[in-house]
Amino acid sequence: MTKIILKAIFIFSLLFSFNETQAQVSVSYFGNSNNTKIGVGYDFNEKLWTELRIYSGTSLANTTAEAVLNYNFLRKEKFRTYVGGGIVVNNLNGIVVPVGVQFTPFENLNNFSFHIELQLMYEVDYEDTFVNGFGGIRYKFN
């Protein structure tokens, strides 16, 4: 498991080392009836962005982290759809594939958006596949 964490840190270090003029940082909240997560994201450009998510409800020693890299495959003025891939480590260990929609409903708040995400996860310890749905909010800083 330590190798997985080290690989994730290395990958994110590489990703954050690129300097993009349109890059933006965001914070997000994801929730459903079983889990909640908070995330910090980084948009490299209009198509590619990454996010580090932390599951809530765990002790500091058992913090479960999720790292994803997403691609916006359809982007309009008020919404965008994305698909991605990543890993989750600690209490859960596996590979995740998020598919989601973000939409900005308010004219005056372009940095604020709602999102709905369907996430497929393959848990390697139990060799089982799970499907989770999340809803939440996101705010992008300029």
C-alpha atoms as a PDB file:
ATOM      1  CA  MET A   1       0.000   0.000   0.000  1.00  0.00           C
ATOM      2  CA  THR A   2       2.907   2.368   0.677  1.00  0.00           C
ATOM      3  CA  LYS A   3       4.023   1.981  -2.941  1.00  0.00           C
ATOM      4  CA  ILE A   4       0.585   3.079  -4.133  1.00  0.00           C
ATOM      5  CA  ILE A   5       0.712   6.200  -1.953  1.00  0.00           C
ATOM      6  CA  LEU A   6       4.221   7.060  -3.134  1.00  0.00           C
ATOM      7  CA  LYS A   7       3.186   6.618  -6.767  1.00  0.00           C
ATOM      8  CA  ALA A   8       0.158   8.868  -6.247  1.00  0.00           C
ATOM      9  CA  ILE A   9       2.308  11.572  -4.632  1.00  0.00           C
ATOM     10  CA  PHE A  10       4.809  11.353  -7.484  1.00  0.00           C
ATOM     11  CA  ILE A  11       2.097  11.600 -10.150  1.00  0.00           C
ATOM     12  CA  PHE A  12       0.476  14.595  -8.479  1.00  0.00           C
ATOM     13  CA  SER A  13       3.844  16.283  -8.050  1.00  0.00           C
ATOM     14  CA  LEU A  14       4.406  15.957 -11.781  1.00  0.00           C
ATOM     15  CA  LEU A  15       0.937  17.195 -12.605  1.00  0.00           C
ATOM     16  CA  PHE A  16       1.192  20.245 -10.348  1.00  0.00           C
ATOM     17  CA  SER A  17       4.650  21.130 -11.669  1.00  0.00           C
ATOM     18  CA  PHE A  18       3.217  22.281 -15.012  1.00  0.00           C
ATOM     19  CA  ASN A  19       2.422  25.990 -15.194  1.00  0.00           C
ATOM     20  CA  GLU A  20      -0.639  26.892 -17.243  1.00  0.00           C
ATOM     21  CA  THR A  21      -1.916  30.444 -17.660  1.00  0.00           C
ATOM     22  CA  GLN A  22      -5.567  29.429 -17.398  1.00  0.00           C
ATOM     23  CA  ALA A  23      -5.070  27.149 -14.406  1.00  0.00           C
ATOM     24  CA  GLN A  24      -7.596  27.452 -11.599  1.00  0.00           C
ATOM     25  CA  VAL A  25      -7.883  25.971  -8.124  1.00  0.00           C
ATOM     26  CA  SER A  26     -11.246  24.723  -6.860  1.00  0.00           C
ATOM     27  CA  VAL A  27     -12.770  23.246  -3.729  1.00  0.00           C
ATOM     28  CA  SER A  28     -15.623  20.770  -3.789  1.00  0.00           C
ATOM     29  CA  TYR A  29     -18.002  18.742  -1.668  1.00  0.00           C
ATOM     30  CA  PHE A  30     -19.443  15.352  -2.636  1.00  0.00           C
ATOM     31  CA  GLY A  31     -22.176  13.568  -0.719  1.00  0.00           C
ATOM     32  CA  ASN A  32     -24.576  10.661  -0.773  1.00  0.00           C
ATOM     33  CA  SER A  33     -26.375   8.649   1.902  1.00  0.00           C
ATOM     34  CA  ASN A  34     -23.255   6.571   2.730  1.00  0.00           C
ATOM     35  CA  ASN A  35     -20.184   8.762   2.145  1.00  0.00           C
ATOM     36  CA  THR A  36     -19.091  12.345   1.940  1.00  0.00           C
ATOM     37  CA  LYS A  37     -15.846  13.697   0.540  1.00  0.00           C
ATOM     38  CA  ILE A  38     -14.175  17.052   0.197  1.00  0.00           C
ATOM     39  CA  GLY A  39     -11.804  17.857  -2.611  1.00  0.00           C
ATOM     40  CA  VAL A  40      -9.234  20.304  -3.861  1.00  0.00           C
ATOM     41  CA  GLY A  41      -8.938  20.534  -7.618  1.00  0.00           C
ATOM     42  CA  TYR A  42      -6.613  22.070 -10.164  1.00  0.00           C
ATOM     43  CA  ASP A  43      -7.690  22.870 -13.730  1.00  0.00           C
ATOM     44  CA  PHE A  44      -4.732  22.686 -16.097  1.00  0.00           C
ATOM     45  CA  ASN A  45      -6.801  24.051 -18.970  1.00  0.00           C
ATOM     46  CA  GLU A  46     -10.394  23.863 -20.221  1.00  0.00           C
ATOM     47  CA  LYS A  47     -10.165  20.124 -20.915  1.00  0.00           C
ATOM     48  CA  LEU A  48      -7.912  18.565 -18.256  1.00  0.00           C
ATOM     49  CA  TRP A  49      -8.185  18.831 -14.467  1.00  0.00           C
ATOM     50  CA  THR A  50      -7.251  16.859 -11.391  1.00  0.00           C
ATOM     51  CA  GLU A  51      -8.659  16.585  -7.893  1.00  0.00           C
ATOM     52  CA  LEU A  52      -7.528  15.192  -4.551  1.00  0.00           C
ATOM     53  CA  ARG A  53     -10.516  14.059  -2.478  1.00  0.00           C
ATOM     54  CA  ILE A  54     -10.597  13.058   1.181  1.00  0.00           C
ATOM     55  CA  TYR A  55     -13.386  10.866   2.576  1.00  0.00           C
ATOM     56  CA  SER A  56     -14.932  12.210   5.762  1.00  0.00           C
ATOM     57  CA  GLY A  57     -15.966  10.137   8.765  1.00  0.00           C
ATOM     58  CA  THR A  58     -12.551   8.552   9.256  1.00  0.00           C
ATOM     59  CA  SER A  59      -9.910   9.151  11.884  1.00  0.00           C
ATOM     60  CA  LEU A  60      -6.701  10.919  10.903  1.00  0.00           C
ATOM     61  CA  ALA A  61      -4.822   7.612  11.050  1.00  0.00           C
ATOM     62  CA  ASN A  62      -7.352   6.029   8.668  1.00  0.00           C
ATOM     63  CA  THR A  63      -7.856   8.927   6.276  1.00  0.00           C
ATOM     64  CA  THR A  64      -8.973   7.627   2.901  1.00  0.00           C
ATOM     65  CA  ALA A  65      -7.722   9.669  -0.043  1.00  0.00           C
ATOM     66  CA  GLU A  66      -8.759   9.606  -3.664  1.00  0.00           C
ATOM     67  CA  ALA A  67      -6.807  11.131  -6.544  1.00  0.00           C
ATOM     68  CA  VAL A  68      -8.434  11.535  -9.958  1.00  0.00           C
ATOM     69  CA  LEU A  69      -7.495  13.000 -13.322  1.00  0.00           C
ATOM     70  CA  ASN A  70     -10.526  14.122 -15.353  1.00  0.00           C
ATOM     71  CA  TYR A  71     -11.138  15.093 -18.959  1.00  0.00           C
ATOM     72  CA  ASN A  72     -13.997  17.428 -20.007  1.00  0.00           C
ATOM     73  CA  PHE A  73     -15.360  15.826 -23.158  1.00  0.00           C
ATOM     74  CA  LEU A  74     -18.288  18.253 -23.608  1.00  0.00           C
ATOM     75  CA  ARG A  75     -18.148  21.862 -22.463  1.00  0.00           C
ATOM     76  CA  LYS A  76     -20.919  24.425 -22.937  1.00  0.00           C
ATOM     77  CA  GLU A  77     -21.519  27.826 -21.357  1.00  0.00           C
ATOM     78  CA  LYS A  78     -23.615  26.515 -18.442  1.00  0.00           C
ATOM     79  CA  PHE A  79     -22.436  22.904 -18.067  1.00  0.00           C
ATOM     80  CA  ARG A  80     -19.630  20.469 -18.757  1.00  0.00           C
ATOM     81  CA  THR A  81     -19.425  16.692 -18.720  1.00  0.00           C
ATOM     82  CA  TYR A  82     -16.337  14.765 -17.720  1.00  0.00           C
ATOM     83  CA  VAL A  83     -14.849  11.306 -17.375  1.00  0.00           C
ATOM     84  CA  GLY A  84     -11.728  10.381 -15.469  1.00  0.00           C
ATOM     85  CA  GLY A  85      -9.658   7.802 -13.709  1.00  0.00           C
ATOM     86  CA  GLY A  86      -7.780   7.550 -10.463  1.00  0.00           C
ATOM     87  CA  ILE A  87      -6.978   5.664  -7.301  1.00  0.00           C
ATOM     88  CA  VAL A  88      -8.327   5.500  -3.775  1.00  0.00           C
ATOM     89  CA  VAL A  89      -6.107   4.359  -0.880  1.00  0.00           C
ATOM     90  CA  ASN A  90      -6.268   3.365   2.796  1.00  0.00           C
ATOM     91  CA  ASN A  91      -9.634   2.082   4.123  1.00  0.00           C
ATOM     92  CA  LEU A  92     -10.588   1.458   0.514  1.00  0.00           C
ATOM     93  CA  ASN A  93      -7.936   0.494  -2.026  1.00  0.00           C
ATOM     94  CA  GLY A  94      -8.778   0.531  -5.641  1.00  0.00           C
ATOM     95  CA  ILE A  95      -9.259   2.143  -8.987  1.00  0.00           C
ATOM     96  CA  VAL A  96     -12.031   4.672  -9.635  1.00  0.00           C
ATOM     97  CA  VAL A  97     -13.666   5.882 -12.839  1.00  0.00           C
ATOM     98  CA  PRO A  98     -15.794   8.997 -12.279  1.00  0.00           C
ATOM     99  CA  VAL A  99     -18.307  10.220 -14.878  1.00  0.00           C
ATOM    100  CA  GLY A 100     -20.068  13.465 -14.110  1.00  0.00           C
ATOM    101  CA  VAL A 101     -21.835  16.651 -15.054  1.00  0.00           C
ATOM    102  CA  GLN A 102     -21.125  20.110 -13.613  1.00  0.00           C
ATOM    103  CA  PHE A 103     -23.590  22.909 -14.202  1.00  0.00           C
ATOM    104  CA  THR A 104     -23.561  26.607 -13.370  1.00  0.00           C
ATOM    105  CA  PRO A 105     -27.169  27.753 -12.848  1.00  0.00           C
ATOM    106  CA  PHE A 106     -26.575  31.321 -11.651  1.00  0.00           C
ATOM    107  CA  GLU A 107     -25.652  34.177 -14.017  1.00  0.00           C
ATOM    108  CA  ASN A 108     -23.787  36.207 -11.381  1.00  0.00           C
ATOM    109  CA  LEU A 109     -21.928  33.250  -9.839  1.00  0.00           C
ATOM    110  CA  ASN A 110     -19.924  31.695 -12.677  1.00  0.00           C
ATOM    111  CA  ASN A 111     -17.357  30.270 -10.224  1.00  0.00           C
ATOM    112  CA  PHE A 112     -20.023  28.299  -8.335  1.00  0.00           C
ATOM    113  CA  SER A 113     -21.369  25.042  -9.765  1.00  0.00           C
ATOM    114  CA  PHE A 114     -23.344  21.964  -8.832  1.00  0.00           C
ATOM    115  CA  HIS A 115     -22.170  18.519  -9.858  1.00  0.00           C
ATOM    116  CA  ILE A 116     -23.588  15.031 -10.156  1.00  0.00           C
ATOM    117  CA  GLU A 117     -21.130  12.158 -10.427  1.00  0.00           C
ATOM    118  CA  LEU A 118     -21.444   8.437 -10.989  1.00  0.00           C
ATOM    119  CA  GLN A 119     -18.335   6.595  -9.853  1.00  0.00           C
ATOM    120  CA  LEU A 120     -17.319   3.047 -10.679  1.00  0.00           C
ATOM    121  CA  MET A 121     -14.791   1.614  -8.215  1.00  0.00           C
ATOM    122  CA  TYR A 122     -12.882  -1.641  -8.317  1.00  0.00           C
ATOM    123  CA  GLU A 123     -11.787  -2.506  -4.765  1.00  0.00           C
ATOM    124  CA  VAL A 124      -8.592  -4.561  -5.006  1.00  0.00           C
ATOM    125  CA  ASP A 125      -8.604  -5.997  -1.459  1.00  0.00           C
ATOM    126  CA  TYR A 126     -12.045  -7.602  -1.893  1.00  0.00           C
ATOM    127  CA  GLU A 127     -11.853  -7.980  -5.669  1.00  0.00           C
ATOM    128  CA  ASP A 128     -15.279  -6.407  -5.970  1.00  0.00           C
ATOM    129  CA  THR A 129     -16.819  -3.624  -8.038  1.00  0.00           C
ATOM    130  CA  PHE A 130     -18.991  -0.848  -6.607  1.00  0.00           C
ATOM    131  CA  VAL A 131     -21.050   1.916  -8.191  1.00  0.00           C
ATOM    132  CA  ASN A 132     -21.568   5.112  -6.180  1.00  0.00           C
ATOM    133  CA  GLY A 133     -23.522   8.228  -7.013  1.00  0.00           C
ATOM    134  CA  PHE A 134     -22.618  11.617  -5.563  1.00  0.00           C
ATOM    135  CA  GLY A 135     -24.058  15.097  -5.710  1.00  0.00           C
ATOM    136  CA  GLY A 136     -22.404  18.242  -4.523  1.00  0.00           C
ATOM    137  CA  ILE A 137     -21.038  21.716  -5.067  1.00  0.00           C
ATOM    138  CA  ARG A 138     -17.805  23.199  -6.389  1.00  0.00           C
ATOM    139  CA  TYR A 139     -16.241  26.658  -6.213  1.00  0.00           C
ATOM    140  CA  LYS A 140     -13.405  27.807  -8.481  1.00  0.00           C
ATOM    141  CA  PHE A 141     -11.000  30.512  -7.406  1.00  0.00           C
ATOM    142  CA  ASN A 142      -9.694  32.945 -10.008  1.00  0.00           C
END
